């Protein structure tokens, strides 16, 4: 993030369900993490949810895949989605 000028006064969007190191990397450069909700069917952020979180201070988005699965709907008990 330092290489692209992200630092104090800037926000970085991350999923609300993420590993603590993701937020720590943002804090380490002096930026502010902006947590956005996840889509409950994928446990990942969606383009709609990220767009709702963007502000004038947003400098970047760090998408985090849950369990290495990008946009795969979760299976509910009984095999339904």
N, C-alpha and C. Protein backbone atom coordinates (compact mmCIF):
# COMPACT_ATOMS: atom_id res chain seq x y z
N UNK A 1 0.82 -1.17 0.00
CA UNK A 1 0.00 0.00 0.00
C UNK A 1 0.88 1.25 0.00
N UNK A 2 2.00 1.20 0.69
CA UNK A 2 2.90 2.35 0.69
C UNK A 2 3.38 2.68 -0.71
N UNK A 3 3.61 1.66 -1.52
CA UNK A 3 4.13 1.86 -2.87
C UNK A 3 3.18 2.65 -3.76
N UNK A 4 1.89 2.62 -3.45
CA UNK A 4 0.91 3.36 -4.25
C UNK A 4 0.37 4.58 -3.51
N UNK A 5 1.02 4.95 -2.41
CA UNK A 5 0.68 6.18 -1.72
C UNK A 5 -0.50 6.12 -0.77
N UNK A 6 -0.85 4.93 -0.33
CA UNK A 6 -1.96 4.81 0.63
C UNK A 6 -1.38 4.99 2.03
N UNK A 7 -1.99 5.92 2.78
CA UNK A 7 -1.51 6.20 4.13
C UNK A 7 -2.55 6.96 4.92
N UNK A 8 -2.11 7.79 5.87
CA UNK A 8 -3.04 8.52 6.72
C UNK A 8 -4.05 9.33 5.91
N UNK A 9 -5.29 9.34 6.40
CA UNK A 9 -6.35 10.07 5.73
C UNK A 9 -7.06 9.30 4.63
N UNK A 10 -6.57 8.11 4.32
CA UNK A 10 -7.19 7.29 3.28
C UNK A 10 -7.85 6.07 3.91
N UNK A 11 -8.86 5.55 3.23
CA UNK A 11 -9.58 4.35 3.68
C UNK A 11 -9.32 3.20 2.72
N UNK A 12 -9.31 2.02 3.27
CA UNK A 12 -9.20 0.80 2.47
C UNK A 12 -10.37 -0.10 2.84
N UNK A 13 -11.13 -0.49 1.85
CA UNK A 13 -12.30 -1.34 2.07
C UNK A 13 -11.88 -2.80 2.20
N UNK A 14 -12.39 -3.45 3.24
CA UNK A 14 -12.15 -4.88 3.47
C UNK A 14 -13.45 -5.52 3.92
N UNK A 15 -13.60 -6.83 3.69
CA UNK A 15 -14.81 -7.51 4.16
C UNK A 15 -14.86 -7.52 5.69
N UNK A 16 -16.06 -7.48 6.23
CA UNK A 16 -16.22 -7.54 7.68
C UNK A 16 -15.77 -8.90 8.23
N UNK A 17 -15.80 -9.91 7.40
CA UNK A 17 -15.35 -11.24 7.80
C UNK A 17 -13.99 -11.47 7.15
N UNK A 18 -12.93 -11.14 7.89
CA UNK A 18 -11.59 -11.23 7.35
C UNK A 18 -10.63 -11.63 8.45
N UNK A 19 -9.42 -11.95 8.07
CA UNK A 19 -8.38 -12.29 9.03
C UNK A 19 -7.80 -11.00 9.61
N UNK A 20 -7.39 -11.02 10.84
CA UNK A 20 -6.90 -9.81 11.50
C UNK A 20 -5.70 -9.19 10.80
N UNK A 21 -4.88 -9.98 10.13
CA UNK A 21 -3.70 -9.44 9.45
C UNK A 21 -4.07 -8.50 8.30
N UNK A 22 -5.24 -8.69 7.71
CA UNK A 22 -5.69 -7.80 6.64
C UNK A 22 -5.88 -6.39 7.19
N UNK A 23 -6.55 -6.28 8.31
CA UNK A 23 -6.78 -4.99 8.95
C UNK A 23 -5.46 -4.43 9.48
N UNK A 24 -4.61 -5.28 10.03
CA UNK A 24 -3.33 -4.82 10.57
C UNK A 24 -2.46 -4.20 9.48
N UNK A 25 -2.46 -4.74 8.29
CA UNK A 25 -1.67 -4.18 7.19
C UNK A 25 -2.14 -2.77 6.85
N UNK A 26 -3.44 -2.54 6.92
CA UNK A 26 -4.00 -1.20 6.65
C UNK A 26 -3.57 -0.23 7.75
N UNK A 27 -3.70 -0.66 8.98
CA UNK A 27 -3.32 0.18 10.11
C UNK A 27 -1.83 0.48 10.11
N UNK A 28 -1.02 -0.47 9.66
CA UNK A 28 0.44 -0.29 9.66
C UNK A 28 0.89 0.85 8.76
N UNK A 29 0.13 1.16 7.73
CA UNK A 29 0.50 2.28 6.84
C UNK A 29 -0.22 3.56 7.24
N UNK A 30 -0.99 3.52 8.32
CA UNK A 30 -1.68 4.70 8.81
C UNK A 30 -3.03 4.97 8.19
N UNK A 31 -3.48 4.07 7.34
CA UNK A 31 -4.80 4.22 6.70
C UNK A 31 -5.88 3.69 7.64
N UNK A 32 -7.13 3.90 7.26
CA UNK A 32 -8.28 3.47 8.06
C UNK A 32 -8.99 2.33 7.35
N UNK A 33 -9.16 1.18 8.05
CA UNK A 33 -9.94 0.10 7.44
C UNK A 33 -11.42 0.48 7.43
N UNK A 34 -12.08 0.23 6.33
CA UNK A 34 -13.53 0.44 6.23
C UNK A 34 -14.15 -0.93 5.97
N UNK A 35 -14.78 -1.47 7.01
CA UNK A 35 -15.36 -2.81 6.91
C UNK A 35 -16.71 -2.74 6.21
N UNK A 36 -16.89 -3.62 5.22
CA UNK A 36 -18.17 -3.71 4.53
C UNK A 36 -18.75 -5.10 4.76
N UNK A 37 -20.07 -5.18 4.73
CA UNK A 37 -20.75 -6.45 4.95
C UNK A 37 -20.38 -7.46 3.87
N UNK A 38 -20.63 -8.71 4.18
CA UNK A 38 -20.44 -9.79 3.22
C UNK A 38 -21.79 -10.27 2.73
N UNK A 39 -21.77 -10.94 1.59
CA UNK A 39 -22.97 -11.60 1.08
C UNK A 39 -23.09 -12.93 1.82
N UNK A 40 -24.17 -13.16 2.55
CA UNK A 40 -24.27 -14.39 3.34
C UNK A 40 -24.27 -15.68 2.50
N UNK A 41 -24.57 -15.58 1.22
CA UNK A 41 -24.58 -16.80 0.40
C UNK A 41 -23.18 -17.19 -0.08
N UNK A 42 -22.23 -16.25 -0.05
CA UNK A 42 -20.87 -16.55 -0.51
C UNK A 42 -19.81 -16.32 0.56
N UNK A 43 -20.17 -15.60 1.62
CA UNK A 43 -19.24 -15.18 2.68
C UNK A 43 -18.14 -14.27 2.15
N UNK A 44 -18.37 -13.64 0.99
CA UNK A 44 -17.43 -12.70 0.39
C UNK A 44 -18.15 -11.37 0.13
N UNK A 45 -17.38 -10.33 -0.15
CA UNK A 45 -18.00 -9.06 -0.54
C UNK A 45 -18.55 -9.21 -1.96
N UNK A 46 -19.46 -8.33 -2.29
CA UNK A 46 -19.98 -8.29 -3.66
C UNK A 46 -19.71 -6.90 -4.21
N UNK A 47 -19.82 -6.75 -5.52
CA UNK A 47 -19.59 -5.44 -6.12
C UNK A 47 -20.58 -4.41 -5.58
N UNK A 48 -21.80 -4.82 -5.33
CA UNK A 48 -22.82 -3.91 -4.80
C UNK A 48 -22.45 -3.44 -3.40
N UNK A 49 -22.03 -4.35 -2.54
CA UNK A 49 -21.69 -3.99 -1.17
C UNK A 49 -20.44 -3.12 -1.11
N UNK A 50 -19.47 -3.39 -1.97
CA UNK A 50 -18.26 -2.56 -2.01
C UNK A 50 -18.63 -1.16 -2.49
N UNK A 51 -19.43 -1.06 -3.52
CA UNK A 51 -19.84 0.24 -4.05
C UNK A 51 -20.53 1.08 -2.98
N UNK A 52 -21.35 0.44 -2.16
CA UNK A 52 -22.03 1.16 -1.07
C UNK A 52 -21.05 1.68 -0.02
N UNK A 53 -19.89 1.04 0.10
CA UNK A 53 -18.90 1.43 1.10
C UNK A 53 -17.91 2.49 0.64
N UNK A 54 -17.88 2.80 -0.65
CA UNK A 54 -16.91 3.76 -1.18
C UNK A 54 -17.25 5.18 -0.73
N UNK A 55 -16.21 5.91 -0.29
CA UNK A 55 -16.35 7.31 0.08
C UNK A 55 -15.28 8.11 -0.67
N UNK A 56 -15.26 9.41 -0.45
CA UNK A 56 -14.23 10.26 -1.06
C UNK A 56 -12.83 9.91 -0.57
N UNK A 57 -12.74 9.26 0.58
CA UNK A 57 -11.44 8.91 1.15
C UNK A 57 -10.97 7.51 0.76
N UNK A 58 -11.79 6.75 0.04
CA UNK A 58 -11.44 5.38 -0.32
C UNK A 58 -10.28 5.36 -1.31
N UNK A 59 -9.23 4.61 -0.97
CA UNK A 59 -8.06 4.51 -1.83
C UNK A 59 -7.91 3.12 -2.45
N UNK A 60 -8.48 2.09 -1.81
CA UNK A 60 -8.28 0.74 -2.31
C UNK A 60 -9.35 -0.19 -1.74
N UNK A 61 -9.43 -1.36 -2.34
CA UNK A 61 -10.29 -2.44 -1.86
C UNK A 61 -9.41 -3.68 -1.76
N UNK A 62 -9.48 -4.36 -0.63
CA UNK A 62 -8.79 -5.64 -0.47
C UNK A 62 -9.86 -6.72 -0.34
N UNK A 63 -10.15 -7.44 -1.43
CA UNK A 63 -11.11 -8.54 -1.31
C UNK A 63 -10.44 -9.73 -0.64
N UNK A 64 -11.14 -10.39 0.24
CA UNK A 64 -10.61 -11.55 0.94
C UNK A 64 -11.53 -12.73 0.67
N UNK A 65 -10.97 -13.80 0.13
CA UNK A 65 -11.77 -14.99 -0.16
C UNK A 65 -11.92 -15.82 1.10
N UNK A 66 -13.10 -16.26 1.37
CA UNK A 66 -13.35 -17.11 2.54
C UNK A 66 -13.08 -18.55 2.16
N UNK A 67 -12.08 -19.15 2.77
CA UNK A 67 -11.75 -20.55 2.51
C UNK A 67 -11.32 -20.80 1.07
N UNK A 68 -10.81 -19.77 0.39
CA UNK A 68 -10.34 -19.93 -0.97
C UNK A 68 -11.44 -20.03 -2.01
N UNK A 69 -12.67 -19.77 -1.62
CA UNK A 69 -13.80 -19.87 -2.53
C UNK A 69 -14.31 -18.49 -2.93
N UNK A 70 -14.21 -18.15 -4.19
CA UNK A 70 -14.70 -16.86 -4.67
C UNK A 70 -16.09 -17.03 -5.26
N UNK A 71 -17.07 -16.39 -4.64
CA UNK A 71 -18.44 -16.31 -5.15
C UNK A 71 -19.12 -17.66 -5.33
N UNK A 72 -18.74 -18.67 -4.62
CA UNK A 72 -19.44 -19.95 -4.69
C UNK A 72 -20.51 -19.97 -3.60
N UNK A 73 -21.76 -20.11 -3.98
CA UNK A 73 -22.82 -20.16 -2.96
C UNK A 73 -22.62 -21.31 -1.99
N UNK A 74 -22.95 -21.08 -0.74
CA UNK A 74 -22.83 -22.12 0.28
C UNK A 74 -23.94 -23.13 0.13
N UNK A 75 -23.63 -24.37 0.45
CA UNK A 75 -24.65 -25.41 0.46
C UNK A 75 -25.26 -25.48 1.84
N UNK A 76 -26.56 -25.51 1.87
CA UNK A 76 -27.28 -25.63 3.14
C UNK A 76 -27.50 -27.12 3.43
N UNK A 77 -27.76 -27.47 4.68
CA UNK A 77 -28.08 -28.87 5.00
C UNK A 77 -29.20 -29.37 4.09
N UNK A 78 -29.05 -30.55 3.57
CA UNK A 78 -30.05 -31.11 2.68
C UNK A 78 -29.70 -30.89 1.22
N UNK A 79 -28.53 -30.26 0.95
CA UNK A 79 -28.06 -30.10 -0.42
C UNK A 79 -28.60 -28.91 -1.17
N UNK A 80 -29.44 -28.08 -0.55
CA UNK A 80 -29.96 -26.92 -1.26
C UNK A 80 -29.03 -25.75 -1.10
N UNK A 81 -29.16 -24.77 -1.99
CA UNK A 81 -28.33 -23.56 -1.92
C UNK A 81 -29.11 -22.41 -1.42
